[in-house]
Amino acid sequence: MTDMFPLAVVRYLAAKTPAEVADCFTEDGVATDERQTYRGRGEIRAWREAVAKISYRQDILSATQQGAQVKVACRLTGDFKGSPVNLDYLFDLSGDLVAKVEIS
């Protein structure tokens, strides 16, 4: 399914390390997760370092694109309270980079 995603989304979903995730964003990129907002690659990398401490699996359920905005629905299953959980990722893109992602 990822063959229909823009490169920025494919890179984000395939990223294995916090640094790889941060590199998917513009310099002033924004990520919002669990009502917390992270601005810039440094904060995004620190957020993902915390996320990396949790063991989980992410399965893509669906994806839609409208212009420079992509919505990806995923199911996360792992070692966290409430597992499994379905999440929506709403990406705003800037070329081959993520300008913003909201996870809800």
PDB file of N, CA and C in Angstrom:
ATOM      1  N   MET A   1       0.813  -1.196   0.000  1.00  0.00           N
ATOM      2  CA  MET A   1       0.000   0.000   0.000  1.00  0.00           C
ATOM      3  C   MET A   1       0.857   1.259   0.000  1.00  0.00           C
ATOM      4  N   THR A   2       2.077   1.191   0.532  1.00  0.00           N
ATOM      5  CA  THR A   2       2.895   2.393   0.621  1.00  0.00           C
ATOM      6  C   THR A   2       3.363   2.892  -0.741  1.00  0.00           C
ATOM      7  N   ASP A   3       3.187   2.109  -1.815  1.00  0.00           N
ATOM      8  CA  ASP A   3       3.623   2.570  -3.125  1.00  0.00           C
ATOM      9  C   ASP A   3       2.762   3.721  -3.640  1.00  0.00           C
ATOM     10  N   MET A   4       1.614   3.985  -3.012  1.00  0.00           N
ATOM     11  CA  MET A   4       0.775   5.090  -3.445  1.00  0.00           C
ATOM     12  C   MET A   4       0.972   6.328  -2.567  1.00  0.00           C
ATOM     13  N   PHE A   5       1.782   6.253  -1.541  1.00  0.00           N
ATOM     14  CA  PHE A   5       2.035   7.377  -0.649  1.00  0.00           C
ATOM     15  C   PHE A   5       3.087   8.304  -1.226  1.00  0.00           C
ATOM     16  N   PRO A   6       3.020   9.593  -0.897  1.00  0.00           N
ATOM     17  CA  PRO A   6       4.114  10.498  -1.229  1.00  0.00           C
ATOM     18  C   PRO A   6       5.385  10.066  -0.482  1.00  0.00           C
ATOM     19  N   LEU A   7       6.529  10.390  -1.043  1.00  0.00           N
ATOM     20  CA  LEU A   7       7.818   9.992  -0.473  1.00  0.00           C
ATOM     21  C   LEU A   7       7.953  10.384   0.998  1.00  0.00           C
ATOM     22  N   ALA A   8       7.513  11.572   1.374  1.00  0.00           N
ATOM     23  CA  ALA A   8       7.649  12.025   2.761  1.00  0.00           C
ATOM     24  C   ALA A   8       6.921  11.092   3.724  1.00  0.00           C
ATOM     25  N   VAL A   9       5.748  10.621   3.351  1.00  0.00           N
ATOM     26  CA  VAL A   9       4.969   9.726   4.210  1.00  0.00           C
ATOM     27  C   VAL A   9       5.613   8.344   4.252  1.00  0.00           C
ATOM     28  N   VAL A  10       6.071   7.858   3.122  1.00  0.00           N
ATOM     29  CA  VAL A  10       6.754   6.561   3.080  1.00  0.00           C
ATOM     30  C   VAL A  10       7.980   6.584   3.995  1.00  0.00           C
ATOM     31  N   ARG A  11       8.777   7.647   3.897  1.00  0.00           N
ATOM     32  CA  ARG A  11       9.971   7.755   4.743  1.00  0.00           C
ATOM     33  C   ARG A  11       9.593   7.780   6.224  1.00  0.00           C
ATOM     34  N   TYR A  12       8.559   8.534   6.573  1.00  0.00           N
ATOM     35  CA  TYR A  12       8.122   8.626   7.970  1.00  0.00           C
ATOM     36  C   TYR A  12       7.693   7.249   8.483  1.00  0.00           C
ATOM     37  N   LEU A  13       6.858   6.575   7.730  1.00  0.00           N
ATOM     38  CA  LEU A  13       6.340   5.275   8.168  1.00  0.00           C
ATOM     39  C   LEU A  13       7.427   4.196   8.222  1.00  0.00           C
ATOM     40  N   ALA A  14       8.456   4.332   7.399  1.00  0.00           N
ATOM     41  CA  ALA A  14       9.532   3.341   7.354  1.00  0.00           C
ATOM     42  C   ALA A  14      10.672   3.651   8.324  1.00  0.00           C
ATOM     43  N   ALA A  15      10.698   4.848   8.886  1.00  0.00           N
ATOM     44  CA  ALA A  15      11.803   5.269   9.756  1.00  0.00           C
ATOM     45  C   ALA A  15      11.934   4.322  10.952  1.00  0.00           C
ATOM     46  N   LYS A  16      13.157   3.939  11.253  1.00  0.00           N
ATOM     47  CA  LYS A  16      13.432   2.994  12.336  1.00  0.00           C
ATOM     48  C   LYS A  16      13.989   3.675  13.588  1.00  0.00           C
ATOM     49  N   THR A  17      14.616   4.822  13.435  1.00  0.00           N
ATOM     50  CA  THR A  17      15.246   5.493  14.575  1.00  0.00           C
ATOM     51  C   THR A  17      14.647   6.883  14.766  1.00  0.00           C
ATOM     52  N   PRO A  18      14.774   7.436  15.970  1.00  0.00           N
ATOM     53  CA  PRO A  18      14.290   8.802  16.186  1.00  0.00           C
ATOM     54  C   PRO A  18      14.930   9.816  15.230  1.00  0.00           C
ATOM     55  N   ALA A  19      16.203   9.656  14.926  1.00  0.00           N
ATOM     56  CA  ALA A  19      16.865  10.570  13.993  1.00  0.00           C
ATOM     57  C   ALA A  19      16.281  10.452  12.591  1.00  0.00           C
ATOM     58  N   GLU A  20      15.977   9.231  12.158  1.00  0.00           N
ATOM     59  CA  GLU A  20      15.366   9.041  10.839  1.00  0.00           C
ATOM     60  C   GLU A  20      13.987   9.702  10.773  1.00  0.00           C
ATOM     61  N   VAL A  21      13.211   9.587  11.862  1.00  0.00           N
ATOM     62  CA  VAL A  21      11.905  10.245  11.898  1.00  0.00           C
ATOM     63  C   VAL A  21      12.087  11.747  11.798  1.00  0.00           C
ATOM     64  N   ALA A  22      12.958  12.316  12.620  1.00  0.00           N
ATOM     65  CA  ALA A  22      13.181  13.765  12.623  1.00  0.00           C
ATOM     66  C   ALA A  22      13.629  14.262  11.249  1.00  0.00           C
ATOM     67  N   ASP A  23      14.432  13.471  10.560  1.00  0.00           N
ATOM     68  CA  ASP A  23      14.922  13.870   9.235  1.00  0.00           C
ATOM     69  C   ASP A  23      13.826  13.893   8.177  1.00  0.00           C
ATOM     70  N   CYS A  24      12.667  13.330   8.470  1.00  0.00           N
ATOM     71  CA  CYS A  24      11.531  13.358   7.543  1.00  0.00           C
ATOM     72  C   CYS A  24      10.845  14.721   7.534  1.00  0.00           C
ATOM     73  N   PHE A  25      11.136  15.545   8.530  1.00  0.00           N
ATOM     74  CA  PHE A  25      10.458  16.822   8.719  1.00  0.00           C
ATOM     75  C   PHE A  25      11.260  17.995   8.160  1.00  0.00           C
ATOM     76  N   THR A  26      10.523  19.060   7.849  1.00  0.00           N
ATOM     77  CA  THR A  26      11.178  20.328   7.539  1.00  0.00           C
ATOM     78  C   THR A  26      11.887  20.798   8.810  1.00  0.00           C
ATOM     79  N   GLU A  27      12.804  21.751   8.681  1.00  0.00           N
ATOM     80  CA  GLU A  27      13.536  22.271   9.854  1.00  0.00           C
ATOM     81  C   GLU A  27      12.588  22.759  10.943  1.00  0.00           C
ATOM     82  N   ASP A  28      11.485  23.391  10.538  1.00  0.00           N
ATOM     83  CA  ASP A  28      10.521  23.931  11.496  1.00  0.00           C
ATOM     84  C   ASP A  28       9.262  23.064  11.576  1.00  0.00           C
ATOM     85  N   GLY A  29       9.403  21.781  11.267  1.00  0.00           N
ATOM     86  CA  GLY A  29       8.278  20.859  11.272  1.00  0.00           C
ATOM     87  C   GLY A  29       7.618  20.759  12.638  1.00  0.00           C
ATOM     88  N   VAL A  30       6.359  20.307  12.625  1.00  0.00           N
ATOM     89  CA  VAL A  30       5.563  20.213  13.846  1.00  0.00           C
ATOM     90  C   VAL A  30       4.933  18.826  13.918  1.00  0.00           C
ATOM     91  N   ALA A  31       4.987  18.232  15.110  1.00  0.00           N
ATOM     92  CA  ALA A  31       4.322  16.950  15.353  1.00  0.00           C
ATOM     93  C   ALA A  31       3.457  17.103  16.594  1.00  0.00           C
ATOM     94  N   THR A  32       2.213  16.637  16.509  1.00  0.00           N
ATOM     95  CA  THR A  32       1.316  16.654  17.658  1.00  0.00           C
ATOM     96  C   THR A  32       0.876  15.223  17.929  1.00  0.00           C
ATOM     97  N   ASP A  33       1.099  14.781  19.169  1.00  0.00           N
ATOM     98  CA  ASP A  33       0.762  13.424  19.587  1.00  0.00           C
ATOM     99  C   ASP A  33       0.331  13.483  21.048  1.00  0.00           C
ATOM    100  N   GLU A  34      -0.775  12.848  21.377  1.00  0.00           N
ATOM    101  CA  GLU A  34      -1.298  12.822  22.738  1.00  0.00           C
ATOM    102  C   GLU A  34      -1.389  14.224  23.332  1.00  0.00           C
ATOM    103  N   ARG A  35      -1.898  15.147  22.532  1.00  0.00           N
ATOM    104  CA  ARG A  35      -2.135  16.551  22.919  1.00  0.00           C
ATOM    105  C   ARG A  35      -0.860  17.312  23.249  1.00  0.00           C
ATOM    106  N   GLN A  36       0.289  16.779  22.860  1.00  0.00           N
ATOM    107  CA  GLN A  36       1.572  17.463  23.033  1.00  0.00           C
ATOM    108  C   GLN A  36       2.084  17.865  21.656  1.00  0.00           C
ATOM    109  N   THR A  37       2.634  19.057  21.554  1.00  0.00           N
ATOM    110  CA  THR A  37       3.158  19.536  20.278  1.00  0.00           C
ATOM    111  C   THR A  37       4.672  19.667  20.376  1.00  0.00           C
ATOM    112  N   TYR A  38       5.343  19.184  19.349  1.00  0.00           N
ATOM    113  CA  TYR A  38       6.806  19.202  19.262  1.00  0.00           C
ATOM    114  C   TYR A  38       7.178  20.005  18.030  1.00  0.00           C
ATOM    115  N   ARG A  39       8.054  20.983  18.199  1.00  0.00           N
ATOM    116  CA  ARG A  39       8.405  21.892  17.107  1.00  0.00           C
ATOM    117  C   ARG A  39       9.895  21.786  16.774  1.00  0.00           C
ATOM    118  N   GLY A  40      10.173  21.614  15.504  1.00  0.00           N
ATOM    119  CA  GLY A  40      11.554  21.516  15.053  1.00  0.00           C
ATOM    120  C   GLY A  40      12.095  20.102  15.193  1.00  0.00           C
ATOM    121  N   ARG A  41      13.131  19.831  14.436  1.00  0.00           N
ATOM    122  CA  ARG A  41      13.686  18.473  14.412  1.00  0.00           C
ATOM    123  C   ARG A  41      14.217  18.005  15.756  1.00  0.00           C
ATOM    124  N   GLY A  42      14.779  18.915  16.555  1.00  0.00           N
ATOM    125  CA  GLY A  42      15.311  18.521  17.865  1.00  0.00           C
ATOM    126  C   GLY A  42      14.228  18.013  18.805  1.00  0.00           C
ATOM    127  N   GLU A  43      13.118  18.758  18.918  1.00  0.00           N
ATOM    128  CA  GLU A  43      12.015  18.315  19.769  1.00  0.00           C
ATOM    129  C   GLU A  43      11.367  17.047  19.221  1.00  0.00           C
ATOM    130  N   ILE A  44      11.259  16.962  17.906  1.00  0.00           N
ATOM    131  CA  ILE A  44      10.663  15.768  17.294  1.00  0.00           C
ATOM    132  C   ILE A  44      11.532  14.546  17.573  1.00  0.00           C
ATOM    133  N   ARG A  45      12.847  14.699  17.470  1.00  0.00           N
ATOM    134  CA  ARG A  45      13.757  13.583  17.768  1.00  0.00           C
ATOM    135  C   ARG A  45      13.612  13.159  19.232  1.00  0.00           C
ATOM    136  N   ALA A  46      13.536  14.121  20.168  1.00  0.00           N
ATOM    137  CA  ALA A  46      13.382  13.795  21.593  1.00  0.00           C
ATOM    138  C   ALA A  46      12.058  13.075  21.848  1.00  0.00           C
ATOM    139  N   TRP A  47      10.978  13.515  21.197  1.00  0.00           N
ATOM    140  CA  TRP A  47       9.674  12.847  21.318  1.00  0.00           C
ATOM    141  C   TRP A  47       9.788  11.400  20.863  1.00  0.00           C
ATOM    142  N   ARG A  48      10.424  11.196  19.707  1.00  0.00           N
ATOM    143  CA  ARG A  48      10.537   9.838  19.168  1.00  0.00           C
ATOM    144  C   ARG A  48      11.480   8.966  19.988  1.00  0.00           C
ATOM    145  N   GLU A  49      12.452   9.567  20.680  1.00  0.00           N
ATOM    146  CA  GLU A  49      13.300   8.787  21.584  1.00  0.00           C
ATOM    147  C   GLU A  49      12.462   8.210  22.726  1.00  0.00           C
ATOM    148  N   ALA A  50      11.499   8.986  23.220  1.00  0.00           N
ATOM    149  CA  ALA A  50      10.596   8.487  24.260  1.00  0.00           C
ATOM    150  C   ALA A  50       9.686   7.391  23.697  1.00  0.00           C
ATOM    151  N   VAL A  51       9.184   7.595  22.493  1.00  0.00           N
ATOM    152  CA  VAL A  51       8.316   6.597  21.852  1.00  0.00           C
ATOM    153  C   VAL A  51       9.081   5.295  21.622  1.00  0.00           C
ATOM    154  N   ALA A  52      10.361   5.392  21.285  1.00  0.00           N
ATOM    155  CA  ALA A  52      11.169   4.207  20.974  1.00  0.00           C
ATOM    156  C   ALA A  52      11.333   3.271  22.175  1.00  0.00           C
ATOM    157  N   LYS A  53      11.045   3.753  23.372  1.00  0.00           N
ATOM    158  CA  LYS A  53      11.161   2.916  24.568  1.00  0.00           C
ATOM    159  C   LYS A  53       9.989   1.952  24.701  1.00  0.00           C
ATOM    160  N   ILE A  54       8.954   2.150  23.880  1.00  0.00           N
ATOM    161  CA  ILE A  54       7.760   1.319  23.929  1.00  0.00           C
ATOM    162  C   ILE A  54       7.791   0.345  22.748  1.00  0.00           C
ATOM    163  N   SER A  55       7.581  -0.910  23.024  1.00  0.00           N
ATOM    164  CA  SER A  55       7.547  -1.917  21.966  1.00  0.00           C
ATOM    165  C   SER A  55       6.145  -1.952  21.363  1.00  0.00           C
ATOM    166  N   TYR A  56       6.064  -1.747  20.040  1.00  0.00           N
ATOM    167  CA  TYR A  56       4.767  -1.792  19.378  1.00  0.00           C
ATOM    168  C   TYR A  56       4.926  -2.158  17.908  1.00  0.00           C
ATOM    169  N   ARG A  57       3.808  -2.562  17.332  1.00  0.00           N
ATOM    170  CA  ARG A  57       3.737  -2.877  15.903  1.00  0.00           C
ATOM    171  C   ARG A  57       2.689  -1.950  15.302  1.00  0.00           C
ATOM    172  N   GLN A  58       2.970  -1.436  14.128  1.00  0.00           N
ATOM    173  CA  GLN A  58       2.063  -0.520  13.442  1.00  0.00           C
ATOM    174  C   GLN A  58       1.606  -1.138  12.127  1.00  0.00           C
ATOM    175  N   ASP A  59       0.291  -1.275  11.966  1.00  0.00           N
ATOM    176  CA  ASP A  59      -0.281  -1.797  10.735  1.00  0.00           C
ATOM    177  C   ASP A  59      -1.101  -0.700  10.068  1.00  0.00           C
ATOM    178  N   ILE A  60      -0.855  -0.479   8.792  1.00  0.00           N
ATOM    179  CA  ILE A  60      -1.592   0.525   8.029  1.00  0.00           C
ATOM    180  C   ILE A  60      -2.946  -0.050   7.632  1.00  0.00           C
ATOM    181  N   LEU A  61      -4.004   0.688   7.945  1.00  0.00           N
ATOM    182  CA  LEU A  61      -5.358   0.252   7.625  1.00  0.00           C
ATOM    183  C   LEU A  61      -5.884   0.899   6.352  1.00  0.00           C
ATOM    184  N   SER A  62      -5.596   2.193   6.159  1.00  0.00           N
ATOM    185  CA  SER A  62      -6.071   2.901   4.972  1.00  0.00           C
ATOM    186  C   SER A  62      -5.294   4.196   4.811  1.00  0.00           C
ATOM    187  N   ALA A  63      -5.420   4.777   3.627  1.00  0.00           N
ATOM    188  CA  ALA A  63      -4.769   6.061   3.355  1.00  0.00           C
ATOM    189  C   ALA A  63      -5.545   6.808   2.289  1.00  0.00           C
ATOM    190  N   THR A  64      -5.612   8.121   2.467  1.00  0.00           N
ATOM    191  CA  THR A  64      -6.230   8.988   1.466  1.00  0.00           C
ATOM    192  C   THR A  64      -5.355  10.221   1.307  1.00  0.00           C
ATOM    193  N   GLN A  65      -5.414  10.815   0.130  1.00  0.00           N
ATOM    194  CA  GLN A  65      -4.637  12.022  -0.125  1.00  0.00           C
ATOM    195  C   GLN A  65      -5.518  13.051  -0.819  1.00  0.00           C
ATOM    196  N   GLN A  66      -5.371  14.299  -0.344  1.00  0.00           N
ATOM    197  CA  GLN A  66      -6.036  15.422  -0.980  1.00  0.00           C
ATOM    198  C   GLN A  66      -5.017  16.546  -1.047  1.00  0.00           C
ATOM    199  N   GLY A  67      -4.473  16.774  -2.236  1.00  0.00           N
ATOM    200  CA  GLY A  67      -3.437  17.780  -2.398  1.00  0.00           C
ATOM    201  C   GLY A  67      -2.195  17.420  -1.613  1.00  0.00           C
ATOM    202  N   ALA A  68      -1.729  18.357  -0.781  1.00  0.00           N
ATOM    203  CA  ALA A  68      -0.520  18.145   0.016  1.00  0.00           C
ATOM    204  C   ALA A  68      -0.844  17.577   1.395  1.00  0.00           C
ATOM    205  N   GLN A  69      -2.057  17.068   1.577  1.00  0.00           N
ATOM    206  CA  GLN A  69      -2.441  16.491   2.855  1.00  0.00           C
ATOM    207  C   GLN A  69      -2.755  14.998   2.675  1.00  0.00           C
ATOM    208  N   VAL A  70      -2.195  14.193   3.570  1.00  0.00           N
ATOM    209  CA  VAL A  70      -2.380  12.742   3.523  1.00  0.00           C
ATOM    210  C   VAL A  70      -2.874  12.278   4.882  1.00  0.00           C
ATOM    211  N   LYS A  71      -3.914  11.446   4.877  1.00  0.00           N
ATOM    212  CA  LYS A  71      -4.425  10.851   6.113  1.00  0.00           C
ATOM    213  C   LYS A  71      -4.171   9.355   6.056  1.00  0.00           C
ATOM    214  N   VAL A  72      -3.523   8.845   7.093  1.00  0.00           N
ATOM    215  CA  VAL A  72      -3.216   7.423   7.189  1.00  0.00           C
ATOM    216  C   VAL A  72      -3.817   6.896   8.492  1.00  0.00           C
ATOM    217  N   ALA A  73      -4.627   5.860   8.385  1.00  0.00           N
ATOM    218  CA  ALA A  73      -5.193   5.202   9.557  1.00  0.00           C
ATOM    219  C   ALA A  73      -4.343   3.970   9.864  1.00  0.00           C
ATOM    220  N   CYS A  74      -3.943   3.835  11.128  1.00  0.00           N
ATOM    221  CA  CYS A  74      -3.087   2.719  11.549  1.00  0.00           C
ATOM    222  C   CYS A  74      -3.639   2.085  12.816  1.00  0.00           C
ATOM    223  N   ARG A  75      -3.296   0.825  13.003  1.00  0.00           N
ATOM    224  CA  ARG A  75      -3.561   0.134  14.258  1.00  0.00           C
ATOM    225  C   ARG A  75      -2.215  -0.144  14.912  1.00  0.00           C
ATOM    226  N   LEU A  76      -2.073   0.309  16.164  1.00  0.00           N
ATOM    227  CA  LEU A  76      -0.870   0.049  16.934  1.00  0.00           C
ATOM    228  C   LEU A  76      -1.187  -0.990  17.993  1.00  0.00           C
ATOM    229  N   THR A  77      -0.342  -2.012  18.046  1.00  0.00           N
ATOM    230  CA  THR A  77      -0.472  -3.089  19.011  1.00  0.00           C
ATOM    231  C   THR A  77       0.865  -3.225  19.715  1.00  0.00           C
ATOM    232  N   GLY A  78       0.851  -3.244  21.041  1.00  0.00           N
ATOM    233  CA  GLY A  78       2.128  -3.378  21.726  1.00  0.00           C
ATOM    234  C   GLY A  78       2.021  -3.345  23.230  1.00  0.00           C
ATOM    235  N   ASP A  79       3.145  -3.016  23.851  1.00  0.00           N
ATOM    236  CA  ASP A  79       3.280  -3.008  25.305  1.00  0.00           C
ATOM    237  C   ASP A  79       2.902  -1.646  25.871  1.00  0.00           C
ATOM    238  N   PHE A  80       1.645  -1.261  25.718  1.00  0.00           N
ATOM    239  CA  PHE A  80       1.168  -0.006  26.280  1.00  0.00           C
ATOM    240  C   PHE A  80      -0.297  -0.158  26.661  1.00  0.00           C
ATOM    241  N   LYS A  81      -0.718   0.641  27.612  1.00  0.00           N
ATOM    242  CA  LYS A  81      -2.090   0.592  28.106  1.00  0.00           C
ATOM    243  C   LYS A  81      -3.061   0.922  26.968  1.00  0.00           C
ATOM    244  N   GLY A  82      -4.104   0.114  26.846  1.00  0.00           N
ATOM    245  CA  GLY A  82      -5.118   0.351  25.827  1.00  0.00           C
ATOM    246  C   GLY A  82      -4.852  -0.342  24.505  1.00  0.00           C
ATOM    247  N   SER A  83      -3.774  -1.113  24.420  1.00  0.00           N
ATOM    248  CA  SER A  83      -3.429  -1.806  23.177  1.00  0.00           C
ATOM    249  C   SER A  83      -4.470  -2.864  22.867  1.00  0.00           C
ATOM    250  N   PRO A  84      -4.848  -2.997  21.611  1.00  0.00           N
ATOM    251  CA  PRO A  84      -4.464  -2.200  20.445  1.00  0.00           C
ATOM    252  C   PRO A  84      -5.290  -0.914  20.365  1.00  0.00           C
ATOM    253  N   VAL A  85      -4.786   0.026  19.586  1.00  0.00           N
ATOM    254  CA  VAL A  85      -5.463   1.302  19.402  1.00  0.00           C
ATOM    255  C   VAL A  85      -5.384   1.693  17.924  1.00  0.00           C
ATOM    256  N   ASN A  86      -6.459   2.269  17.426  1.00  0.00           N
ATOM    257  CA  ASN A  86      -6.460   2.796  16.059  1.00  0.00           C
ATOM    258  C   ASN A  86      -6.154   4.286  16.118  1.00  0.00           C
ATOM    259  N   LEU A  87      -5.233   4.725  15.298  1.00  0.00           N
ATOM    260  CA  LEU A  87      -4.828   6.128  15.251  1.00  0.00           C
ATOM    261  C   LEU A  87      -4.895   6.652  13.830  1.00  0.00           C
ATOM    262  N   ASP A  88      -5.203   7.933  13.704  1.00  0.00           N
ATOM    263  CA  ASP A  88      -5.145   8.627  12.422  1.00  0.00           C
ATOM    264  C   ASP A  88      -3.945   9.556  12.427  1.00  0.00           C
ATOM    265  N   TYR A  89      -3.177   9.515  11.349  1.00  0.00           N
ATOM    266  CA  TYR A  89      -2.046  10.404  11.137  1.00  0.00           C
ATOM    267  C   TYR A  89      -2.447  11.351  10.017  1.00  0.00           C
ATOM    268  N   LEU A  90      -2.476  12.640  10.294  1.00  0.00           N
ATOM    269  CA  LEU A  90      -2.807  13.634   9.291  1.00  0.00           C
ATOM    270  C   LEU A  90      -1.538  14.408   8.969  1.00  0.00           C
ATOM    271  N   PHE A  91      -1.011  14.174   7.768  1.00  0.00           N
ATOM    272  CA  PHE A  91       0.240  14.770   7.331  1.00  0.00           C
ATOM    273  C   PHE A  91      -0.023  15.981   6.439  1.00  0.00           C
ATOM    274  N   ASP A  92       0.684  17.075   6.700  1.00  0.00           N
ATOM    275  CA  ASP A  92       0.781  18.204   5.776  1.00  0.00           C
ATOM    276  C   ASP A  92       2.198  18.157   5.223  1.00  0.00           C
ATOM    277  N   LEU A  93       2.313  18.178   3.908  1.00  0.00           N
ATOM    278  CA  LEU A  93       3.613  17.993   3.267  1.00  0.00           C
ATOM    279  C   LEU A  93       4.161  19.289   2.686  1.00  0.00           C
ATOM    280  N   SER A  94       5.467  19.329   2.612  1.00  0.00           N
ATOM    281  CA  SER A  94       6.188  20.413   1.946  1.00  0.00           C
ATOM    282  C   SER A  94       7.244  19.746   1.079  1.00  0.00           C
ATOM    283  N   GLY A  95       6.902  19.541  -0.197  1.00  0.00           N
ATOM    284  CA  GLY A  95       7.800  18.805  -1.086  1.00  0.00           C
ATOM    285  C   GLY A  95       7.957  17.385  -0.597  1.00  0.00           C
ATOM    286  N   ASP A  96       9.206  16.940  -0.443  1.00  0.00           N
ATOM    287  CA  ASP A  96       9.491  15.585   0.011  1.00  0.00           C
ATOM    288  C   ASP A  96       9.682  15.496   1.516  1.00  0.00           C
ATOM    289  N   LEU A  97       9.179  16.483   2.252  1.00  0.00           N
ATOM    290  CA  LEU A  97       9.305  16.494   3.701  1.00  0.00           C
ATOM    291  C   LEU A  97       7.946  16.684   4.359  1.00  0.00           C
ATOM    292  N   VAL A  98       7.861  16.283   5.617  1.00  0.00           N
ATOM    293  CA  VAL A  98       6.653  16.492   6.418  1.00  0.00           C
ATOM    294  C   VAL A  98       6.762  17.862   7.072  1.00  0.00           C
ATOM    295  N   ALA A  99       5.772  18.712   6.844  1.00  0.00           N
ATOM    296  CA  ALA A  99       5.721  20.014   7.522  1.00  0.00           C
ATOM    297  C   ALA A  99       5.020  19.867   8.866  1.00  0.00           C
ATOM    298  N   LYS A 100       4.028  18.955   8.906  1.00  0.00           N
ATOM    299  CA  LYS A 100       3.233  18.792  10.125  1.00  0.00           C
ATOM    300  C   LYS A 100       2.576  17.413  10.128  1.00  0.00           C
ATOM    301  N   VAL A 101       2.522  16.793  11.288  1.00  0.00           N
ATOM    302  CA  VAL A 101       1.735  15.576  11.465  1.00  0.00           C
ATOM    303  C   VAL A 101       0.950  15.697  12.760  1.00  0.00           C
ATOM    304  N   GLU A 102      -0.324  15.382  12.673  1.00  0.00           N
ATOM    305  CA  GLU A 102      -1.192  15.337  13.842  1.00  0.00           C
ATOM    306  C   GLU A 102      -1.644  13.894  14.016  1.00  0.00           C
ATOM    307  N   ILE A 103      -1.401  13.339  15.193  1.00  0.00           N
ATOM    308  CA  ILE A 103      -1.777  11.968  15.479  1.00  0.00           C
ATOM    309  C   ILE A 103      -2.925  11.999  16.474  1.00  0.00           C
ATOM    310  N   SER A 104      -4.028  11.363  16.070  1.00  0.00           N
ATOM    311  CA  SER A 104      -5.191  11.350  16.969  1.00  0.00           C
ATOM    312  C   SER A 104      -5.869   9.985  16.941  1.00  0.00           C
TER     313      SER A 104
END
